N, C-alpha and C. Protein backbone atom coordinates (compact mmCIF):
# COMPACT_ATOMS: atom_id res chain seq x y z
N UNK A 1 113.90 71.43 80.69
CA UNK A 1 114.31 70.98 82.02
C UNK A 1 114.12 72.06 83.06
N UNK A 2 114.87 71.89 84.10
CA UNK A 2 114.79 72.79 85.24
C UNK A 2 115.17 74.22 84.85
N UNK A 3 116.19 74.34 84.02
CA UNK A 3 116.67 75.66 83.63
C UNK A 3 115.59 76.45 82.88
N UNK A 4 114.88 75.78 81.99
CA UNK A 4 113.84 76.48 81.25
C UNK A 4 112.71 76.91 82.18
N UNK A 5 112.38 76.08 83.15
CA UNK A 5 111.35 76.45 84.12
C UNK A 5 111.81 77.69 84.89
N UNK A 6 113.08 77.71 85.24
CA UNK A 6 113.64 78.85 85.96
C UNK A 6 113.59 80.10 85.08
N UNK A 7 114.00 79.96 83.83
CA UNK A 7 113.99 81.11 82.91
C UNK A 7 112.56 81.62 82.71
N UNK A 8 111.63 80.69 82.63
CA UNK A 8 110.23 81.07 82.47
C UNK A 8 109.77 81.89 83.67
N UNK A 9 110.13 81.40 84.88
CA UNK A 9 109.76 82.09 86.11
C UNK A 9 110.38 83.48 86.12
N UNK A 10 111.63 83.58 85.68
CA UNK A 10 112.31 84.88 85.62
C UNK A 10 111.56 85.84 84.70
N UNK A 11 111.17 85.35 83.54
CA UNK A 11 110.51 86.24 82.58
C UNK A 11 109.12 86.63 83.09
N UNK A 12 108.45 85.74 83.79
CA UNK A 12 107.14 86.08 84.39
C UNK A 12 107.36 87.18 85.43
N UNK A 13 108.38 87.02 86.25
CA UNK A 13 108.62 88.01 87.31
C UNK A 13 109.02 89.37 86.74
N UNK A 14 109.61 89.37 85.55
CA UNK A 14 109.93 90.65 84.90
C UNK A 14 108.66 91.38 84.49
N UNK A 15 107.63 90.62 84.12
CA UNK A 15 106.39 91.26 83.67
C UNK A 15 105.48 91.62 84.85
N UNK A 16 105.82 91.14 86.03
CA UNK A 16 104.94 91.36 87.19
C UNK A 16 104.66 92.83 87.51
N UNK A 17 105.67 93.70 87.51
CA UNK A 17 105.36 95.10 87.83
C UNK A 17 104.28 95.67 86.91
N UNK A 18 104.26 95.22 85.67
CA UNK A 18 103.26 95.71 84.71
C UNK A 18 101.95 94.94 84.83
N UNK A 19 102.01 93.80 85.50
CA UNK A 19 100.86 92.91 85.53
C UNK A 19 99.63 93.60 86.13
N UNK A 20 99.80 94.25 87.27
CA UNK A 20 98.67 94.90 87.91
C UNK A 20 98.05 95.96 87.00
N UNK A 21 98.90 96.78 86.38
CA UNK A 21 98.39 97.81 85.47
C UNK A 21 97.65 97.20 84.30
N UNK A 22 98.21 96.12 83.77
CA UNK A 22 97.59 95.44 82.63
C UNK A 22 96.22 94.88 83.04
N UNK A 23 96.15 94.29 84.23
CA UNK A 23 94.88 93.73 84.72
C UNK A 23 93.86 94.83 84.92
N UNK A 24 94.27 95.92 85.57
CA UNK A 24 93.35 97.01 85.85
C UNK A 24 92.83 97.64 84.55
N UNK A 25 93.71 97.78 83.57
CA UNK A 25 93.30 98.34 82.28
C UNK A 25 92.31 97.41 81.60
N UNK A 26 92.58 96.11 81.65
CA UNK A 26 91.68 95.13 81.04
C UNK A 26 90.30 95.19 81.66
N UNK A 27 90.25 95.28 83.00
CA UNK A 27 88.96 95.34 83.71
C UNK A 27 88.25 96.65 83.39
N UNK A 28 89.03 97.73 83.34
CA UNK A 28 88.45 99.05 83.04
C UNK A 28 87.84 99.05 81.64
N UNK A 29 88.55 98.45 80.68
CA UNK A 29 88.08 98.41 79.30
C UNK A 29 86.95 97.41 79.09
N UNK A 30 86.83 96.44 80.00
CA UNK A 30 85.82 95.39 79.87
C UNK A 30 85.09 95.18 81.19
N UNK A 31 84.29 96.16 81.63
CA UNK A 31 83.62 96.03 82.92
C UNK A 31 82.80 94.75 82.99
N UNK A 32 82.93 94.02 84.08
CA UNK A 32 82.17 92.79 84.24
C UNK A 32 82.84 91.59 83.60
N UNK A 33 84.09 91.77 83.13
CA UNK A 33 84.82 90.65 82.53
C UNK A 33 84.96 89.53 83.57
N UNK A 34 84.89 88.30 83.11
CA UNK A 34 85.02 87.17 84.03
C UNK A 34 86.49 86.89 84.31
N UNK A 35 86.75 86.55 85.57
CA UNK A 35 88.12 86.26 85.97
C UNK A 35 88.72 85.14 85.11
N UNK A 36 87.90 84.11 84.81
CA UNK A 36 88.43 82.99 84.01
C UNK A 36 88.79 83.43 82.59
N UNK A 37 88.12 84.48 82.08
CA UNK A 37 88.46 84.99 80.75
C UNK A 37 89.77 85.77 80.79
N UNK A 38 90.03 86.39 81.92
CA UNK A 38 91.32 87.09 82.08
C UNK A 38 92.44 86.07 82.06
N UNK A 39 92.24 84.92 82.72
CA UNK A 39 93.28 83.88 82.73
C UNK A 39 93.69 83.49 81.32
N UNK A 40 92.72 83.46 80.40
CA UNK A 40 92.99 83.03 79.03
C UNK A 40 93.95 83.98 78.32
N UNK A 41 94.09 85.21 78.83
CA UNK A 41 94.96 86.20 78.21
C UNK A 41 96.41 86.04 78.66
N UNK A 42 96.64 85.13 79.58
CA UNK A 42 97.98 84.94 80.15
C UNK A 42 98.43 83.50 80.00
N UNK A 43 99.73 83.29 80.13
CA UNK A 43 100.28 81.94 80.14
C UNK A 43 99.73 81.21 81.35
N UNK A 44 99.60 79.89 81.25
CA UNK A 44 99.06 79.13 82.40
C UNK A 44 99.97 79.27 83.62
N UNK A 45 101.28 79.44 83.38
CA UNK A 45 102.22 79.61 84.50
C UNK A 45 101.94 80.90 85.27
N UNK A 46 101.31 81.85 84.61
CA UNK A 46 101.07 83.16 85.22
C UNK A 46 99.77 83.19 86.03
N UNK A 47 98.97 82.14 85.90
CA UNK A 47 97.64 82.15 86.51
C UNK A 47 97.66 82.47 88.00
N UNK A 48 98.59 81.85 88.73
CA UNK A 48 98.62 82.08 90.18
C UNK A 48 98.99 83.53 90.50
N UNK A 49 99.86 84.13 89.67
CA UNK A 49 100.22 85.54 89.88
C UNK A 49 99.02 86.43 89.61
N UNK A 50 98.29 86.12 88.54
CA UNK A 50 97.10 86.89 88.17
C UNK A 50 96.07 86.79 89.28
N UNK A 51 95.86 85.57 89.77
CA UNK A 51 94.91 85.32 90.84
C UNK A 51 95.26 86.16 92.08
N UNK A 52 96.54 86.13 92.43
CA UNK A 52 97.02 86.86 93.60
C UNK A 52 96.84 88.37 93.42
N UNK A 53 97.20 88.87 92.25
CA UNK A 53 97.07 90.31 91.97
C UNK A 53 95.61 90.76 92.07
N UNK A 54 94.70 89.95 91.52
CA UNK A 54 93.29 90.31 91.55
C UNK A 54 92.75 90.28 92.98
N UNK A 55 93.21 89.29 93.74
CA UNK A 55 92.79 89.18 95.13
C UNK A 55 93.21 90.43 95.91
N UNK A 56 94.48 90.81 95.74
CA UNK A 56 94.99 91.97 96.48
C UNK A 56 94.42 93.29 95.95
N UNK A 57 94.12 93.33 94.65
CA UNK A 57 93.49 94.53 94.09
C UNK A 57 92.11 94.73 94.72
N UNK A 58 91.42 93.62 94.98
CA UNK A 58 90.11 93.70 95.64
C UNK A 58 90.30 94.14 97.09
N UNK A 59 91.27 93.51 97.78
CA UNK A 59 91.52 93.84 99.18
C UNK A 59 91.86 95.32 99.36
N UNK A 60 92.61 95.87 98.41
CA UNK A 60 93.01 97.27 98.54
C UNK A 60 92.00 98.23 97.91
N UNK A 61 90.84 97.67 97.50
CA UNK A 61 89.74 98.52 97.05
C UNK A 61 89.86 99.05 95.62
N UNK A 62 90.75 98.47 94.81
CA UNK A 62 90.90 98.94 93.43
C UNK A 62 89.81 98.35 92.53
N UNK A 63 89.41 97.12 92.83
CA UNK A 63 88.38 96.46 92.03
C UNK A 63 87.34 95.83 92.94
N UNK A 64 86.21 95.48 92.37
CA UNK A 64 85.24 94.68 93.11
C UNK A 64 85.05 93.39 92.33
N UNK A 65 84.85 92.31 93.06
CA UNK A 65 84.65 90.99 92.45
C UNK A 65 83.29 90.47 92.88
N UNK A 66 82.50 90.08 91.90
CA UNK A 66 81.15 89.57 92.15
C UNK A 66 81.15 88.08 91.79
N UNK A 67 80.86 87.23 92.78
CA UNK A 67 80.89 85.77 92.56
C UNK A 67 79.81 85.38 91.56
N UNK A 68 80.23 84.68 90.51
CA UNK A 68 79.30 84.17 89.49
C UNK A 68 79.70 82.72 89.26
N UNK A 69 78.91 81.78 89.74
CA UNK A 69 79.27 80.36 89.59
C UNK A 69 80.62 80.09 90.20
N UNK A 70 81.55 79.58 89.37
CA UNK A 70 82.86 79.24 89.92
C UNK A 70 83.92 80.27 89.55
N UNK A 71 83.48 81.48 89.16
CA UNK A 71 84.44 82.54 88.83
C UNK A 71 83.90 83.86 89.38
N UNK A 72 84.54 84.94 89.00
CA UNK A 72 84.12 86.27 89.46
C UNK A 72 83.93 87.20 88.27
N UNK A 73 82.97 88.10 88.41
CA UNK A 73 82.83 89.23 87.49
C UNK A 73 83.65 90.35 88.11
N UNK A 74 84.45 91.03 87.31
CA UNK A 74 85.35 92.04 87.85
C UNK A 74 84.97 93.44 87.37
N UNK A 75 85.06 94.38 88.30
CA UNK A 75 84.75 95.78 88.00
C UNK A 75 85.79 96.68 88.67
N UNK A 76 86.09 97.80 88.03
CA UNK A 76 86.93 98.83 88.64
C UNK A 76 86.06 99.58 89.64
N UNK A 77 86.61 99.88 90.78
CA UNK A 77 85.83 100.65 91.78
C UNK A 77 85.94 102.13 91.51
């Protein structure tokens, strides 16, 4: 029910501070990894957080994203 959705959201938010580091490490270890493949490493509920983190990581110059079809190839800058 609603409570489990709330608890899930809480647990996702607990992992958020580590999320950026985890994403950056994944990209560093797998240069050119596809964004859609990164999604597979996370719960579907986390996808929007992952998407947001990657977007802002690009904006702040931490990574570069290269459009490939309907996804992106990711690289550490």
